[in-house]
N, C-alpha and C. Protein backbone atom coordinates (compact mmCIF):
# COMPACT_ATOMS: atom_id res chain seq x y z
N MET A 1 4.19 -7.33 157.42
CA MET A 1 2.77 -7.55 157.16
C MET A 1 2.57 -8.05 155.74
N LYS A 2 3.30 -7.44 154.74
CA LYS A 2 3.16 -7.87 153.36
C LYS A 2 3.63 -9.31 153.20
N LYS A 3 4.73 -9.66 153.89
CA LYS A 3 5.26 -11.02 153.79
C LYS A 3 4.27 -12.03 154.38
N THR A 4 3.62 -11.66 155.45
CA THR A 4 2.64 -12.54 156.08
C THR A 4 1.46 -12.78 155.15
N LYS A 5 0.96 -11.71 154.52
CA LYS A 5 -0.17 -11.86 153.60
C LYS A 5 0.22 -12.71 152.40
N LYS A 6 1.43 -12.50 151.88
CA LYS A 6 1.90 -13.26 150.73
C LYS A 6 2.06 -14.74 151.09
N LEU A 7 2.62 -15.02 152.25
CA LEU A 7 2.78 -16.39 152.72
C LEU A 7 1.43 -17.06 152.90
N LEU A 8 0.49 -16.35 153.50
CA LEU A 8 -0.86 -16.89 153.70
C LEU A 8 -1.54 -17.18 152.35
N ALA A 9 -1.38 -16.29 151.38
CA ALA A 9 -1.97 -16.49 150.06
C ALA A 9 -1.37 -17.73 149.39
N CYS A 10 -0.05 -17.92 149.53
CA CYS A 10 0.60 -19.10 148.96
C CYS A 10 0.11 -20.38 149.62
N LEU A 11 -0.05 -20.35 150.93
CA LEU A 11 -0.54 -21.53 151.64
C LEU A 11 -1.97 -21.88 151.23
N ILE A 12 -2.81 -20.89 151.08
CA ILE A 12 -4.20 -21.12 150.66
C ILE A 12 -4.22 -21.69 149.24
N ALA A 13 -3.40 -21.14 148.36
CA ALA A 13 -3.34 -21.64 146.98
C ALA A 13 -2.88 -23.10 146.95
N ALA A 14 -1.85 -23.42 147.74
CA ALA A 14 -1.34 -24.80 147.78
C ALA A 14 -2.40 -25.75 148.34
N ALA A 15 -3.08 -25.33 149.39
CA ALA A 15 -4.12 -26.17 149.99
C ALA A 15 -5.27 -26.40 149.00
N THR A 16 -5.64 -25.36 148.26
CA THR A 16 -6.71 -25.49 147.27
C THR A 16 -6.32 -26.46 146.18
N MET A 17 -5.07 -26.37 145.69
CA MET A 17 -4.61 -27.27 144.64
C MET A 17 -4.60 -28.71 145.14
N PHE A 18 -4.14 -28.93 146.37
CA PHE A 18 -4.10 -30.29 146.92
C PHE A 18 -5.50 -30.85 147.07
N THR A 19 -6.43 -30.06 147.55
CA THR A 19 -7.81 -30.51 147.74
C THR A 19 -8.45 -30.85 146.40
N MET A 20 -8.23 -30.04 145.40
CA MET A 20 -8.80 -30.30 144.09
C MET A 20 -8.26 -31.61 143.52
N GLY A 21 -6.98 -31.85 143.68
CA GLY A 21 -6.39 -33.09 143.18
C GLY A 21 -6.93 -34.30 143.91
N SER A 22 -7.12 -34.22 145.19
CA SER A 22 -7.63 -35.35 145.97
C SER A 22 -9.05 -35.70 145.58
N THR A 23 -9.88 -34.70 145.37
CA THR A 23 -11.26 -34.93 145.00
C THR A 23 -11.35 -35.59 143.63
N ALA A 24 -10.58 -35.12 142.67
CA ALA A 24 -10.61 -35.70 141.33
C ALA A 24 -10.14 -37.14 141.37
N PHE A 25 -9.14 -37.46 142.15
CA PHE A 25 -8.62 -38.82 142.24
C PHE A 25 -9.69 -39.76 142.80
N ALA A 26 -10.36 -39.36 143.84
CA ALA A 26 -11.38 -40.21 144.46
C ALA A 26 -12.55 -40.45 143.50
N ALA A 27 -12.86 -39.49 142.68
CA ALA A 27 -14.02 -39.61 141.80
C ALA A 27 -13.75 -40.54 140.62
N THR A 28 -12.51 -40.96 140.37
CA THR A 28 -12.22 -41.80 139.22
C THR A 28 -11.82 -43.22 139.60
N THR A 29 -12.07 -43.63 140.81
CA THR A 29 -11.65 -44.94 141.27
C THR A 29 -12.83 -45.91 141.30
N ASP A 30 -12.82 -46.89 140.39
CA ASP A 30 -13.81 -47.97 140.41
C ASP A 30 -13.13 -49.21 140.95
N GLN A 31 -13.79 -49.89 141.86
CA GLN A 31 -13.22 -51.08 142.46
C GLN A 31 -14.26 -52.17 142.59
N GLU A 32 -13.82 -53.39 142.39
CA GLU A 32 -14.66 -54.55 142.66
C GLU A 32 -14.20 -55.27 143.91
N THR A 33 -12.94 -55.07 144.27
CA THR A 33 -12.38 -55.70 145.46
C THR A 33 -11.59 -54.69 146.27
N VAL A 34 -11.42 -55.03 147.54
CA VAL A 34 -10.59 -54.24 148.46
C VAL A 34 -9.61 -55.21 149.08
N THR A 35 -8.37 -54.79 149.25
CA THR A 35 -7.40 -55.65 149.90
C THR A 35 -6.98 -55.05 151.23
N VAL A 36 -6.85 -55.92 152.22
CA VAL A 36 -6.39 -55.53 153.55
C VAL A 36 -5.06 -56.23 153.77
N ASN A 37 -4.04 -55.47 154.08
CA ASN A 37 -2.71 -56.02 154.28
C ASN A 37 -2.63 -56.69 155.65
N LYS A 38 -2.22 -57.95 155.69
CA LYS A 38 -2.07 -58.71 156.93
C LYS A 38 -0.59 -59.03 157.12
N VAL A 39 -0.06 -58.66 158.29
CA VAL A 39 1.34 -58.93 158.61
C VAL A 39 1.39 -59.92 159.76
N TYR A 40 2.15 -60.98 159.58
CA TYR A 40 2.31 -62.05 160.58
C TYR A 40 3.73 -61.93 161.12
N LYS A 41 3.85 -61.61 162.41
CA LYS A 41 5.16 -61.35 163.01
C LYS A 41 5.53 -62.42 164.04
N LEU A 42 6.80 -62.75 164.04
CA LEU A 42 7.36 -63.63 165.05
C LEU A 42 7.84 -62.75 166.20
N THR A 43 7.52 -63.10 167.44
CA THR A 43 7.90 -62.24 168.56
C THR A 43 8.89 -62.88 169.52
N ASN A 44 9.09 -64.20 169.45
CA ASN A 44 10.02 -64.86 170.38
C ASN A 44 11.12 -65.57 169.61
N ALA A 45 12.36 -65.30 169.99
CA ALA A 45 13.51 -65.96 169.37
C ALA A 45 13.46 -67.46 169.66
N GLY A 46 13.93 -68.23 168.70
CA GLY A 46 13.99 -69.67 168.90
C GLY A 46 12.68 -70.39 168.67
N THR A 47 11.67 -69.71 168.14
CA THR A 47 10.38 -70.36 167.86
C THR A 47 10.11 -70.34 166.36
N VAL A 48 9.21 -71.18 165.94
CA VAL A 48 8.79 -71.26 164.53
C VAL A 48 7.30 -70.99 164.50
N SER A 49 6.88 -70.10 163.63
CA SER A 49 5.46 -69.77 163.54
C SER A 49 4.68 -70.96 162.95
N PRO A 50 3.49 -71.21 163.49
CA PRO A 50 2.66 -72.28 162.93
C PRO A 50 2.00 -71.82 161.63
N GLU A 51 1.54 -72.79 160.84
CA GLU A 51 0.74 -72.46 159.67
C GLU A 51 -0.55 -71.80 160.17
N GLU A 52 -0.98 -70.75 159.49
CA GLU A 52 -2.17 -70.02 159.95
C GLU A 52 -2.84 -69.33 158.77
N THR A 53 -4.18 -69.36 158.76
CA THR A 53 -4.96 -68.60 157.80
C THR A 53 -5.72 -67.53 158.57
N PHE A 54 -5.54 -66.29 158.16
CA PHE A 54 -6.22 -65.16 158.78
C PHE A 54 -7.32 -64.68 157.84
N THR A 55 -8.50 -64.42 158.38
CA THR A 55 -9.59 -63.91 157.57
C THR A 55 -10.42 -62.92 158.38
N LEU A 56 -11.32 -62.26 157.69
CA LEU A 56 -12.21 -61.27 158.31
C LEU A 56 -13.64 -61.73 158.14
N GLN A 57 -14.52 -61.25 159.00
CA GLN A 57 -15.95 -61.49 158.83
C GLN A 57 -16.70 -60.17 158.95
N GLN A 58 -17.78 -60.07 158.19
CA GLN A 58 -18.65 -58.90 158.25
C GLN A 58 -19.53 -59.06 159.48
N THR A 59 -19.49 -58.05 160.38
CA THR A 59 -20.30 -58.14 161.60
C THR A 59 -21.45 -57.13 161.62
N LYS A 60 -21.37 -56.09 160.78
CA LYS A 60 -22.40 -55.06 160.78
C LYS A 60 -22.35 -54.34 159.43
N LYS A 61 -23.49 -53.75 159.05
CA LYS A 61 -23.55 -52.95 157.83
C LYS A 61 -24.62 -51.87 158.03
N GLU A 62 -24.39 -50.71 157.39
CA GLU A 62 -25.37 -49.62 157.51
C GLU A 62 -25.22 -48.64 156.37
N VAL A 63 -26.34 -47.98 156.03
CA VAL A 63 -26.32 -46.88 155.07
C VAL A 63 -26.00 -45.62 155.87
N VAL A 64 -24.91 -44.95 155.51
CA VAL A 64 -24.53 -43.72 156.20
C VAL A 64 -25.23 -42.53 155.55
N ASP A 65 -25.35 -42.57 154.22
CA ASP A 65 -25.97 -41.47 153.49
C ASP A 65 -26.44 -42.02 152.15
N GLY A 66 -27.58 -41.56 151.67
CA GLY A 66 -28.04 -41.96 150.36
C GLY A 66 -29.47 -42.45 150.33
N GLU A 67 -29.85 -42.97 149.17
CA GLU A 67 -31.22 -43.35 148.89
C GLU A 67 -31.55 -44.78 149.32
N ALA A 68 -30.55 -45.61 149.51
CA ALA A 68 -30.77 -47.04 149.78
C ALA A 68 -31.42 -47.24 151.14
N LYS A 69 -32.27 -48.25 151.21
CA LYS A 69 -32.90 -48.65 152.47
C LYS A 69 -32.12 -49.78 153.13
N GLU A 70 -31.41 -50.57 152.31
CA GLU A 70 -30.63 -51.71 152.81
C GLU A 70 -29.24 -51.69 152.21
N VAL A 71 -28.33 -52.36 152.89
CA VAL A 71 -26.96 -52.48 152.42
C VAL A 71 -26.74 -53.93 151.98
N PRO A 72 -26.27 -54.13 150.75
CA PRO A 72 -26.00 -55.51 150.34
C PRO A 72 -24.80 -56.07 151.10
N ASP A 73 -24.83 -57.36 151.37
CA ASP A 73 -23.69 -58.01 152.03
C ASP A 73 -22.48 -58.02 151.12
N LEU A 74 -21.29 -58.05 151.72
CA LEU A 74 -20.08 -58.24 150.96
C LEU A 74 -20.15 -59.61 150.29
N VAL A 75 -19.64 -59.74 149.08
CA VAL A 75 -19.77 -60.97 148.31
C VAL A 75 -18.90 -62.09 148.89
N ALA A 76 -17.63 -61.79 149.12
CA ALA A 76 -16.71 -62.82 149.62
C ALA A 76 -15.53 -62.16 150.33
N ILE A 77 -14.95 -62.90 151.25
CA ILE A 77 -13.72 -62.46 151.93
C ILE A 77 -12.76 -63.65 151.89
N ASN A 78 -11.67 -63.49 151.15
CA ASN A 78 -10.67 -64.55 151.04
C ASN A 78 -9.54 -64.28 152.02
N GLY A 79 -9.18 -65.28 152.78
CA GLY A 79 -8.17 -65.14 153.81
C GLY A 79 -6.74 -65.11 153.28
N ALA A 80 -5.82 -64.82 154.17
CA ALA A 80 -4.38 -64.84 153.88
C ALA A 80 -3.78 -66.03 154.62
N THR A 81 -3.17 -66.96 153.86
CA THR A 81 -2.61 -68.17 154.46
C THR A 81 -1.09 -68.06 154.50
N PHE A 82 -0.54 -68.33 155.67
CA PHE A 82 0.90 -68.32 155.89
C PHE A 82 1.35 -69.74 156.19
N ALA A 83 2.44 -70.18 155.57
CA ALA A 83 3.00 -71.51 155.82
C ALA A 83 3.73 -71.53 157.16
N GLN A 84 3.95 -72.72 157.69
CA GLN A 84 4.72 -72.87 158.93
C GLN A 84 6.10 -72.24 158.73
N GLY A 85 6.53 -71.45 159.70
CA GLY A 85 7.84 -70.80 159.65
C GLY A 85 7.90 -69.56 158.79
N GLU A 86 6.80 -69.15 158.20
CA GLU A 86 6.80 -67.99 157.30
C GLU A 86 6.86 -66.65 158.04
N ALA A 87 6.39 -66.60 159.28
CA ALA A 87 6.45 -65.34 160.04
C ALA A 87 7.90 -65.02 160.36
N THR A 88 8.23 -63.74 160.33
CA THR A 88 9.57 -63.27 160.66
C THR A 88 9.47 -62.17 161.70
N PHE A 89 10.61 -61.77 162.26
CA PHE A 89 10.59 -60.68 163.24
C PHE A 89 10.18 -59.36 162.58
N GLU A 90 10.50 -59.17 161.31
CA GLU A 90 10.10 -57.96 160.58
C GLU A 90 8.64 -58.04 160.16
N GLY A 91 8.14 -59.25 160.00
CA GLY A 91 6.76 -59.47 159.59
C GLY A 91 6.66 -59.91 158.14
N SER A 92 5.92 -60.94 157.91
CA SER A 92 5.64 -61.44 156.57
C SER A 92 4.25 -60.92 156.19
N SER A 93 4.10 -60.41 154.98
CA SER A 93 2.88 -59.72 154.59
C SER A 93 2.14 -60.45 153.47
N LYS A 94 0.83 -60.54 153.61
CA LYS A 94 -0.06 -61.06 152.55
C LYS A 94 -1.34 -60.25 152.57
N GLU A 95 -2.15 -60.43 151.52
CA GLU A 95 -3.38 -59.65 151.41
C GLU A 95 -4.62 -60.51 151.66
N ILE A 96 -5.58 -59.92 152.35
CA ILE A 96 -6.93 -60.48 152.48
C ILE A 96 -7.78 -59.71 151.48
N THR A 97 -8.49 -60.42 150.60
CA THR A 97 -9.27 -59.78 149.55
C THR A 97 -10.76 -59.80 149.90
N VAL A 98 -11.39 -58.63 149.83
CA VAL A 98 -12.82 -58.48 150.09
C VAL A 98 -13.48 -58.12 148.76
N THR A 99 -14.44 -58.94 148.32
CA THR A 99 -15.16 -58.67 147.07
C THR A 99 -16.42 -57.86 147.39
N LEU A 100 -16.54 -56.70 146.75
CA LEU A 100 -17.68 -55.81 146.98
C LEU A 100 -18.90 -56.25 146.18
N PRO A 101 -20.09 -55.96 146.69
CA PRO A 101 -21.32 -56.31 145.96
C PRO A 101 -21.61 -55.29 144.86
N LYS A 102 -22.65 -55.56 144.07
CA LYS A 102 -23.17 -54.57 143.12
C LYS A 102 -24.15 -53.70 143.91
N TYR A 103 -24.07 -52.41 143.72
CA TYR A 103 -24.94 -51.48 144.44
C TYR A 103 -26.04 -50.97 143.51
N ASP A 104 -27.25 -50.83 144.06
CA ASP A 104 -28.40 -50.37 143.29
C ASP A 104 -28.71 -48.90 143.50
N ASN A 105 -28.09 -48.26 144.49
CA ASN A 105 -28.39 -46.87 144.81
C ASN A 105 -27.12 -46.09 145.12
N VAL A 106 -27.18 -44.81 144.82
CA VAL A 106 -26.13 -43.88 145.21
C VAL A 106 -26.12 -43.81 146.74
N GLY A 107 -24.95 -43.71 147.34
CA GLY A 107 -24.90 -43.57 148.79
C GLY A 107 -23.54 -43.89 149.37
N VAL A 108 -23.48 -43.79 150.67
CA VAL A 108 -22.28 -44.15 151.43
C VAL A 108 -22.67 -45.33 152.31
N TYR A 109 -21.95 -46.42 152.15
CA TYR A 109 -22.24 -47.66 152.86
C TYR A 109 -21.07 -47.98 153.79
N LYS A 110 -21.39 -48.36 155.02
CA LYS A 110 -20.33 -48.68 155.98
C LYS A 110 -20.49 -50.12 156.46
N TYR A 111 -19.39 -50.85 156.41
CA TYR A 111 -19.34 -52.22 156.89
C TYR A 111 -18.39 -52.29 158.08
N THR A 112 -18.71 -53.10 159.05
CA THR A 112 -17.80 -53.37 160.16
C THR A 112 -17.28 -54.78 159.98
N LEU A 113 -15.96 -54.91 159.98
CA LEU A 113 -15.29 -56.20 159.83
C LEU A 113 -14.51 -56.50 161.09
N LYS A 114 -14.31 -57.77 161.33
CA LYS A 114 -13.53 -58.21 162.49
C LYS A 114 -12.72 -59.42 162.07
N GLU A 115 -11.47 -59.50 162.55
CA GLU A 115 -10.66 -60.66 162.25
C GLU A 115 -11.23 -61.87 163.00
N VAL A 116 -11.33 -62.99 162.30
CA VAL A 116 -11.82 -64.22 162.91
C VAL A 116 -10.70 -64.76 163.79
N ALA A 117 -10.98 -64.88 165.09
CA ALA A 117 -9.98 -65.38 166.03
C ALA A 117 -9.90 -66.90 165.94
N GLY A 118 -8.73 -67.39 165.63
CA GLY A 118 -8.51 -68.83 165.56
C GLY A 118 -8.18 -69.38 166.94
N THR A 119 -7.77 -70.62 166.97
CA THR A 119 -7.46 -71.28 168.24
C THR A 119 -6.02 -71.78 168.31
N THR A 120 -5.17 -71.31 167.41
CA THR A 120 -3.79 -71.75 167.39
C THR A 120 -3.04 -71.19 168.61
N ALA A 121 -2.45 -72.08 169.39
CA ALA A 121 -1.72 -71.67 170.59
C ALA A 121 -0.56 -70.75 170.21
N GLY A 122 -0.42 -69.66 170.96
CA GLY A 122 0.68 -68.73 170.76
C GLY A 122 0.45 -67.67 169.71
N VAL A 123 -0.68 -67.69 169.02
CA VAL A 123 -0.96 -66.69 167.99
C VAL A 123 -1.95 -65.67 168.55
N THR A 124 -1.61 -64.39 168.41
CA THR A 124 -2.48 -63.31 168.85
C THR A 124 -3.22 -62.77 167.64
N TYR A 125 -4.53 -62.64 167.76
CA TYR A 125 -5.37 -62.16 166.66
C TYR A 125 -5.79 -60.72 166.91
N TYR A 126 -6.01 -59.98 165.82
CA TYR A 126 -6.42 -58.58 165.92
C TYR A 126 -7.85 -58.51 166.44
N GLY A 127 -8.09 -57.84 167.55
CA GLY A 127 -9.40 -57.84 168.19
C GLY A 127 -10.28 -56.64 167.92
N ASP A 128 -9.74 -55.58 167.34
CA ASP A 128 -10.52 -54.37 167.11
C ASP A 128 -11.34 -54.46 165.82
N ASN A 129 -12.36 -53.63 165.72
CA ASN A 129 -13.17 -53.55 164.50
C ASN A 129 -12.41 -52.82 163.41
N ILE A 130 -12.73 -53.16 162.19
CA ILE A 130 -12.20 -52.48 161.01
C ILE A 130 -13.41 -51.93 160.27
N LYS A 131 -13.40 -50.65 159.97
CA LYS A 131 -14.50 -50.02 159.24
C LYS A 131 -14.14 -49.95 157.76
N LEU A 132 -15.04 -50.41 156.92
CA LEU A 132 -14.88 -50.33 155.47
C LEU A 132 -16.00 -49.43 154.97
N VAL A 133 -15.65 -48.31 154.35
CA VAL A 133 -16.62 -47.34 153.86
C VAL A 133 -16.56 -47.28 152.34
N VAL A 134 -17.72 -47.48 151.69
CA VAL A 134 -17.81 -47.49 150.24
C VAL A 134 -18.73 -46.35 149.81
N THR A 135 -18.25 -45.50 148.89
CA THR A 135 -19.04 -44.40 148.37
C THR A 135 -19.43 -44.70 146.92
N VAL A 136 -20.72 -44.68 146.63
CA VAL A 136 -21.24 -44.98 145.30
C VAL A 136 -21.87 -43.72 144.73
N VAL A 137 -21.51 -43.38 143.48
CA VAL A 137 -22.00 -42.16 142.83
C VAL A 137 -22.58 -42.50 141.47
N ASN A 138 -23.28 -41.53 140.86
CA ASN A 138 -23.76 -41.68 139.49
C ASN A 138 -22.59 -41.55 138.53
N GLY A 139 -22.52 -42.47 137.58
CA GLY A 139 -21.48 -42.43 136.55
C GLY A 139 -22.08 -42.03 135.23
N GLU A 140 -21.37 -42.36 134.16
CA GLU A 140 -21.85 -42.04 132.81
C GLU A 140 -23.06 -42.90 132.45
N ASN A 141 -23.94 -42.36 131.66
CA ASN A 141 -25.12 -43.06 131.14
C ASN A 141 -26.00 -43.63 132.25
N GLY A 142 -26.02 -43.00 133.41
CA GLY A 142 -26.88 -43.44 134.50
C GLY A 142 -26.37 -44.66 135.26
N ASN A 143 -25.18 -45.14 134.92
CA ASN A 143 -24.60 -46.27 135.63
C ASN A 143 -24.03 -45.82 136.97
N LEU A 144 -24.09 -46.70 137.96
CA LEU A 144 -23.51 -46.39 139.26
C LEU A 144 -22.03 -46.77 139.26
N ARG A 145 -21.23 -45.99 139.98
CA ARG A 145 -19.80 -46.22 140.09
C ARG A 145 -19.39 -46.21 141.54
N ILE A 146 -18.45 -47.04 141.90
CA ILE A 146 -17.84 -46.97 143.22
C ILE A 146 -16.76 -45.91 143.12
N ALA A 147 -17.00 -44.79 143.79
CA ALA A 147 -16.11 -43.65 143.66
C ALA A 147 -14.96 -43.69 144.64
N ALA A 148 -15.17 -44.28 145.80
CA ALA A 148 -14.10 -44.30 146.80
C ALA A 148 -14.35 -45.43 147.78
N VAL A 149 -13.27 -46.01 148.26
CA VAL A 149 -13.33 -47.04 149.28
C VAL A 149 -12.19 -46.75 150.24
N HIS A 150 -12.48 -46.78 151.53
CA HIS A 150 -11.38 -46.65 152.49
C HIS A 150 -11.69 -47.46 153.75
N THR A 151 -10.63 -47.83 154.43
CA THR A 151 -10.77 -48.58 155.66
C THR A 151 -10.24 -47.75 156.82
N VAL A 152 -10.84 -47.95 157.96
CA VAL A 152 -10.41 -47.29 159.19
C VAL A 152 -10.14 -48.41 160.20
N GLY A 153 -8.92 -48.52 160.62
CA GLY A 153 -8.52 -49.60 161.53
C GLY A 153 -7.15 -50.07 161.14
N ASN A 154 -6.57 -50.95 161.90
CA ASN A 154 -5.24 -51.40 161.64
C ASN A 154 -5.20 -52.92 161.75
N CYS A 155 -5.58 -53.61 160.71
CA CYS A 155 -5.57 -55.07 160.72
C CYS A 155 -4.28 -55.54 160.09
N GLU A 156 -3.16 -55.07 160.60
CA GLU A 156 -1.92 -55.40 159.96
C GLU A 156 -1.07 -56.40 160.74
N THR A 157 -1.18 -56.45 162.03
CA THR A 157 -0.26 -57.29 162.76
C THR A 157 -0.95 -58.41 163.53
N SER A 158 -0.31 -59.53 163.51
CA SER A 158 -0.73 -60.65 164.33
C SER A 158 0.56 -61.30 164.82
N SER A 159 0.64 -61.59 166.07
CA SER A 159 1.90 -62.07 166.64
C SER A 159 1.82 -63.54 166.99
N GLN A 160 2.96 -64.19 166.87
CA GLN A 160 3.10 -65.58 167.30
C GLN A 160 4.13 -65.58 168.41
N SER A 161 3.74 -66.07 169.57
CA SER A 161 4.69 -66.06 170.70
C SER A 161 5.01 -67.45 171.15
């Protein structure tokens, strides 16, 4: 019984320390851009991947929590361009950069992104939605800060067959 209580106390202490560290880390992150990793994979032997540019588009936006009545649009989304033959069986990786807007209110803002489906024969595009969540808090001297940004979704693979 004593060993169980001691083990439980150690687990609670470790969980508390981990949670405190995670919260402090999120509160100190200011970002102007977000990057989404795009992986272009070759799936058939004896083929060469075509040149392709992959990009995302904003399809929806909403205020999840906070004082704002509207959500500003994302400023820009720069695509990831792969040269002909650049895809490999392991996958060639590049970044898609999303530029965040300036926010006027504290809050949690959610954007829905979708990969723009091209028309290149043999290339499979990611069809699911990607959620981008931005948390804005009060900073020093009344300035607003982007405290945390995270994405939910897996926009990492695109196949060429």
